[in-house]
PDB file of N, CA and C in Angstrom:
ATOM      1  N   UNK A   1       0.721  -1.266  -0.162  1.00  0.00           N
ATOM      2  CA  UNK A   1       0.125   0.082   0.075  1.00  0.00           C
ATOM      3  C   UNK A   1       0.829   1.311   0.142  1.00  0.00           C
ATOM      4  N   UNK A   2       2.033   1.051   0.716  1.00  0.00           N
ATOM      5  CA  UNK A   2       2.868   2.337   0.701  1.00  0.00           C
ATOM      6  C   UNK A   2       3.493   2.694  -0.642  1.00  0.00           C
ATOM      7  N   UNK A   3       3.706   1.641  -1.452  1.00  0.00           N
ATOM      8  CA  UNK A   3       4.101   2.033  -2.734  1.00  0.00           C
ATOM      9  C   UNK A   3       3.088   2.770  -3.614  1.00  0.00           C
ATOM     10  N   UNK A   4       2.150   2.298  -3.579  1.00  0.00           N
ATOM     11  CA  UNK A   4       0.804   2.920  -4.298  1.00  0.00           C
ATOM     12  C   UNK A   4       0.618   4.237  -3.953  1.00  0.00           C
ATOM     13  N   UNK A   5       0.954   4.534  -2.626  1.00  0.00           N
ATOM     14  CA  UNK A   5       0.769   5.830  -1.928  1.00  0.00           C
ATOM     15  C   UNK A   5       1.861   6.803  -2.630  1.00  0.00           C
ATOM     16  N   UNK A   6       2.778   6.345  -2.580  1.00  0.00           N
ATOM     17  CA  UNK A   6       4.126   7.071  -3.347  1.00  0.00           C
ATOM     18  C   UNK A   6       3.850   7.312  -4.606  1.00  0.00           C
ATOM     19  N   UNK A   7       3.296   6.482  -5.703  1.00  0.00           N
ATOM     20  CA  UNK A   7       2.989   6.558  -6.929  1.00  0.00           C
ATOM     21  C   UNK A   7       1.969   7.609  -7.346  1.00  0.00           C
ATOM     22  N   UNK A   8       1.009   7.701  -6.291  1.00  0.00           N
ATOM     23  CA  UNK A   8      -0.038   8.312  -6.275  1.00  0.00           C
ATOM     24  C   UNK A   8       0.386   9.889  -6.034  1.00  0.00           C
ATOM     25  N   UNK A   9       1.458   9.844  -5.238  1.00  0.00           N
ATOM     26  CA  UNK A   9       2.107  11.395  -5.140  1.00  0.00           C
ATOM     27  C   UNK A   9       2.457  12.053  -6.341  1.00  0.00           C
ATOM     28  N   UNK A  10       2.777  11.273  -7.327  1.00  0.00           N
ATOM     29  CA  UNK A  10       3.541  11.838  -8.567  1.00  0.00           C
ATOM     30  C   UNK A  10       2.586  11.764  -9.960  1.00  0.00           C
ATOM     31  N   UNK A  11       1.449  11.051  -9.873  1.00  0.00           N
ATOM     32  CA  UNK A  11       0.494  11.001 -11.152  1.00  0.00           C
ATOM     33  C   UNK A  11      -0.784  10.670 -10.457  1.00  0.00           C
ATOM     34  N   UNK A  12      -1.852  11.152 -10.964  1.00  0.00           N
ATOM     35  CA  UNK A  12      -3.055  10.815 -10.896  1.00  0.00           C
ATOM     36  C   UNK A  12      -3.386   9.573 -11.713  1.00  0.00           C
ATOM     37  N   UNK A  13      -2.789   9.363 -12.835  1.00  0.00           N
ATOM     38  CA  UNK A  13      -2.997   8.651 -13.832  1.00  0.00           C
ATOM     39  C   UNK A  13      -2.654   7.027 -13.395  1.00  0.00           C
ATOM     40  N   UNK A  14      -3.321   6.193 -12.926  1.00  0.00           N
ATOM     41  CA  UNK A  14      -3.000   5.026 -12.422  1.00  0.00           C
ATOM     42  C   UNK A  14      -3.986   3.946 -12.638  1.00  0.00           C
ATOM     43  N   UNK A  15      -3.912   2.762 -13.150  1.00  0.00           N
ATOM     44  CA  UNK A  15      -5.009   1.720 -12.973  1.00  0.00           C
ATOM     45  C   UNK A  15      -4.032   0.397 -12.825  1.00  0.00           C
ATOM     46  N   UNK A  16      -4.617  -0.552 -12.239  1.00  0.00           N
ATOM     47  CA  UNK A  16      -3.893  -1.799 -11.963  1.00  0.00           C
ATOM     48  C   UNK A  16      -4.710  -3.008 -12.662  1.00  0.00           C
ATOM     49  N   UNK A  17      -3.688  -3.540 -13.575  1.00  0.00           N
ATOM     50  CA  UNK A  17      -4.500  -4.535 -14.473  1.00  0.00           C
ATOM     51  C   UNK A  17      -3.945  -5.990 -13.659  1.00  0.00           C
ATOM     52  N   UNK A  18      -5.003  -6.688 -13.268  1.00  0.00           N
ATOM     53  CA  UNK A  18      -4.852  -7.906 -12.429  1.00  0.00           C
ATOM     54  C   UNK A  18      -5.226  -9.024 -13.272  1.00  0.00           C
ATOM     55  N   UNK A  19      -4.111  -9.972 -13.086  1.00  0.00           N
ATOM     56  CA  UNK A  19      -4.258 -11.215 -13.993  1.00  0.00           C
ATOM     57  C   UNK A  19      -5.360 -12.256 -13.465  1.00  0.00           C
ATOM     58  N   UNK A  20      -5.437 -12.094 -11.944  1.00  0.00           N
ATOM     59  CA  UNK A  20      -6.374 -13.103 -11.232  1.00  0.00           C
ATOM     60  C   UNK A  20      -8.073 -12.606 -11.834  1.00  0.00           C
ATOM     61  N   UNK A  21      -8.571 -13.787 -12.150  1.00  0.00           N
ATOM     62  CA  UNK A  21      -9.778 -13.071 -12.422  1.00  0.00           C
ATOM     63  C   UNK A  21     -10.877 -12.368 -11.304  1.00  0.00           C
ATOM     64  N   UNK A  22     -11.729 -11.504 -12.014  1.00  0.00           N
ATOM     65  CA  UNK A  22     -12.088 -10.687 -11.016  1.00  0.00           C
ATOM     66  C   UNK A  22     -13.193 -11.439  -9.953  1.00  0.00           C
ATOM     67  N   UNK A  23     -13.637 -12.494 -10.207  1.00  0.00           N
ATOM     68  CA  UNK A  23     -14.469 -13.464  -9.173  1.00  0.00           C
ATOM     69  C   UNK A  23     -13.701 -13.865  -8.154  1.00  0.00           C
ATOM     70  N   UNK A  24     -12.504 -13.711  -7.879  1.00  0.00           N
ATOM     71  CA  UNK A  24     -11.508 -14.268  -7.104  1.00  0.00           C
ATOM     72  C   UNK A  24     -11.019 -12.988  -6.474  1.00  0.00           C
ATOM     73  N   UNK A  25     -11.369 -11.802  -6.628  1.00  0.00           N
ATOM     74  CA  UNK A  25     -10.911 -10.699  -5.832  1.00  0.00           C
ATOM     75  C   UNK A  25     -11.454 -10.337  -4.550  1.00  0.00           C
ATOM     76  N   UNK A  26     -12.606 -10.675  -4.372  1.00  0.00           N
ATOM     77  CA  UNK A  26     -13.258 -10.498  -3.027  1.00  0.00           C
ATOM     78  C   UNK A  26     -12.420 -11.419  -1.981  1.00  0.00           C
ATOM     79  N   UNK A  27     -12.257 -10.703  -0.739  1.00  0.00           N
ATOM     80  CA  UNK A  27     -11.429 -11.444   0.328  1.00  0.00           C
ATOM     81  C   UNK A  27     -10.025 -11.509   0.206  1.00  0.00           C
ATOM     82  N   UNK A  28      -9.625 -10.920  -0.684  1.00  0.00           N
ATOM     83  CA  UNK A  28      -8.043 -10.983  -1.098  1.00  0.00           C
ATOM     84  C   UNK A  28      -7.391  -9.637  -1.002  1.00  0.00           C
ATOM     85  N   UNK A  29      -6.095  -9.630  -1.242  1.00  0.00           N
ATOM     86  CA  UNK A  29      -5.356  -8.442  -1.277  1.00  0.00           C
ATOM     87  C   UNK A  29      -5.783  -7.564  -2.560  1.00  0.00           C
ATOM     88  N   UNK A  30      -6.391  -8.334  -3.502  1.00  0.00           N
ATOM     89  CA  UNK A  30      -6.760  -7.231  -4.709  1.00  0.00           C
ATOM     90  C   UNK A  30      -7.995  -6.566  -4.178  1.00  0.00           C
ATOM     91  N   UNK A  31      -8.732  -7.065  -3.534  1.00  0.00           N
ATOM     92  CA  UNK A  31      -9.784  -6.340  -3.083  1.00  0.00           C
ATOM     93  C   UNK A  31      -9.354  -4.924  -2.117  1.00  0.00           C
ATOM     94  N   UNK A  32      -8.316  -5.106  -1.396  1.00  0.00           N
ATOM     95  CA  UNK A  32      -7.746  -3.889  -0.546  1.00  0.00           C
ATOM     96  C   UNK A  32      -7.063  -3.172  -1.539  1.00  0.00           C
ATOM     97  N   UNK A  33      -6.503  -3.541  -2.698  1.00  0.00           N
ATOM     98  CA  UNK A  33      -5.709  -2.877  -3.563  1.00  0.00           C
ATOM     99  C   UNK A  33      -6.890  -1.935  -4.561  1.00  0.00           C
ATOM    100  N   UNK A  34      -8.081  -2.500  -4.633  1.00  0.00           N
ATOM    101  CA  UNK A  34      -8.938  -2.136  -5.657  1.00  0.00           C
ATOM    102  C   UNK A  34      -9.651  -0.583  -4.860  1.00  0.00           C
ATOM    103  N   UNK A  35      -9.321  -0.840  -3.586  1.00  0.00           N
ATOM    104  CA  UNK A  35      -9.993   0.383  -2.528  1.00  0.00           C
ATOM    105  C   UNK A  35      -8.905   1.808  -2.803  1.00  0.00           C
ATOM    106  N   UNK A  36      -7.660   1.409  -3.257  1.00  0.00           N
ATOM    107  CA  UNK A  36      -6.638   2.291  -3.508  1.00  0.00           C
ATOM    108  C   UNK A  36      -6.426   2.761  -4.772  1.00  0.00           C
ATOM    109  N   UNK A  37      -6.583   2.157  -5.864  1.00  0.00           N
ATOM    110  CA  UNK A  37      -6.417   2.503  -7.203  1.00  0.00           C
ATOM    111  C   UNK A  37      -7.430   1.830  -8.023  1.00  0.00           C
ATOM    112  N   UNK A  38      -7.822   2.210  -9.087  1.00  0.00           N
ATOM    113  CA  UNK A  38      -8.995   1.402 -10.052  1.00  0.00           C
ATOM    114  C   UNK A  38      -8.181   0.230 -10.346  1.00  0.00           C
ATOM    115  N   UNK A  39      -9.070  -0.934 -10.356  1.00  0.00           N
ATOM    116  CA  UNK A  39      -8.207  -2.211 -10.727  1.00  0.00           C
ATOM    117  C   UNK A  39      -9.328  -2.698 -11.904  1.00  0.00           C
ATOM    118  N   UNK A  40      -8.658  -3.219 -12.829  1.00  0.00           N
ATOM    119  CA  UNK A  40      -9.354  -3.827 -13.978  1.00  0.00           C
ATOM    120  C   UNK A  40      -8.792  -5.371 -14.099  1.00  0.00           C
ATOM    121  N   UNK A  41      -9.421  -6.214 -14.684  1.00  0.00           N
ATOM    122  CA  UNK A  41      -8.966  -7.514 -15.057  1.00  0.00           C
ATOM    123  C   UNK A  41      -7.938  -7.328 -16.279  1.00  0.00           C
ATOM    124  N   UNK A  42      -7.021  -8.251 -16.296  1.00  0.00           N
ATOM    125  CA  UNK A  42      -6.100  -8.393 -17.455  1.00  0.00           C
ATOM    126  C   UNK A  42      -6.607  -9.229 -18.434  1.00  0.00           C
ATOM    127  N   UNK A  43      -7.553  -8.552 -19.227  1.00  0.00           N
ATOM    128  CA  UNK A  43      -8.074  -9.241 -20.584  1.00  0.00           C
ATOM    129  C   UNK A  43      -8.374  -7.867 -21.356  1.00  0.00           C
ATOM    130  N   UNK A  44      -8.860  -8.262 -22.620  1.00  0.00           N
ATOM    131  CA  UNK A  44      -8.746  -7.123 -23.746  1.00  0.00           C
ATOM    132  C   UNK A  44      -9.935  -5.984 -23.222  1.00  0.00           C
ATOM    133  N   UNK A  45     -10.950  -6.494 -22.592  1.00  0.00           N
ATOM    134  CA  UNK A  45     -11.974  -5.529 -21.972  1.00  0.00           C
ATOM    135  C   UNK A  45     -11.520  -4.663 -21.064  1.00  0.00           C
ATOM    136  N   UNK A  46     -10.852  -5.337 -20.079  1.00  0.00           N
ATOM    137  CA  UNK A  46      -9.961  -4.832 -18.730  1.00  0.00           C
ATOM    138  C   UNK A  46      -9.276  -3.590 -19.388  1.00  0.00           C
ATOM    139  N   UNK A  47      -8.386  -4.165 -20.191  1.00  0.00           N
ATOM    140  CA  UNK A  47      -7.439  -3.191 -20.939  1.00  0.00           C
ATOM    141  C   UNK A  47      -7.984  -2.037 -21.383  1.00  0.00           C
ATOM    142  N   UNK A  48      -8.986  -2.185 -22.210  1.00  0.00           N
ATOM    143  CA  UNK A  48      -9.883  -1.112 -22.769  1.00  0.00           C
ATOM    144  C   UNK A  48     -10.226  -0.134 -21.552  1.00  0.00           C
ATOM    145  N   UNK A  49     -10.804  -0.624 -20.786  1.00  0.00           N
ATOM    146  CA  UNK A  49     -11.262   0.111 -19.269  1.00  0.00           C
ATOM    147  C   UNK A  49     -10.216   0.845 -18.777  1.00  0.00           C
ATOM    148  N   UNK A  50      -8.805   0.217 -18.561  1.00  0.00           N
ATOM    149  CA  UNK A  50      -8.041   0.986 -17.981  1.00  0.00           C
ATOM    150  C   UNK A  50      -7.526   2.159 -18.870  1.00  0.00           C
ATOM    151  N   UNK A  51      -7.350   1.949 -20.057  1.00  0.00           N
ATOM    152  CA  UNK A  51      -6.930   2.983 -21.089  1.00  0.00           C
ATOM    153  C   UNK A  51      -8.052   3.900 -21.050  1.00  0.00           C
ATOM    154  N   UNK A  52      -9.178   3.778 -20.961  1.00  0.00           N
ATOM    155  CA  UNK A  52     -10.423   4.930 -20.897  1.00  0.00           C
ATOM    156  C   UNK A  52     -10.112   5.584 -19.501  1.00  0.00           C
ATOM    157  N   UNK A  53      -9.666   4.867 -18.422  1.00  0.00           N
ATOM    158  CA  UNK A  53      -9.387   5.460 -17.147  1.00  0.00           C
ATOM    159  C   UNK A  53      -8.226   6.647 -17.015  1.00  0.00           C
ATOM    160  N   UNK A  54      -7.464   6.276 -17.749  1.00  0.00           N
ATOM    161  CA  UNK A  54      -6.272   7.070 -17.739  1.00  0.00           C
ATOM    162  C   UNK A  54      -6.272   8.067 -18.850  1.00  0.00           C
ATOM    163  N   UNK A  55      -7.268   7.957 -19.712  1.00  0.00           N
ATOM    164  CA  UNK A  55      -7.049   9.170 -20.679  1.00  0.00           C
ATOM    165  C   UNK A  55      -7.473  10.436 -19.952  1.00  0.00           C
TER     166      UNK A  55
END
């Protein structure tokens, strides 16, 4: 979490692409990270969403 905080001090353009399927994020560290930065699944749709987020 500290690393993400430092990154966010330098840019507002941040998105996390997670290779773990989104169904498995609940109750994991992915759920915690998703509260800190926008998180998307690492698939074509998620990549498009992440690009749209940082534009």
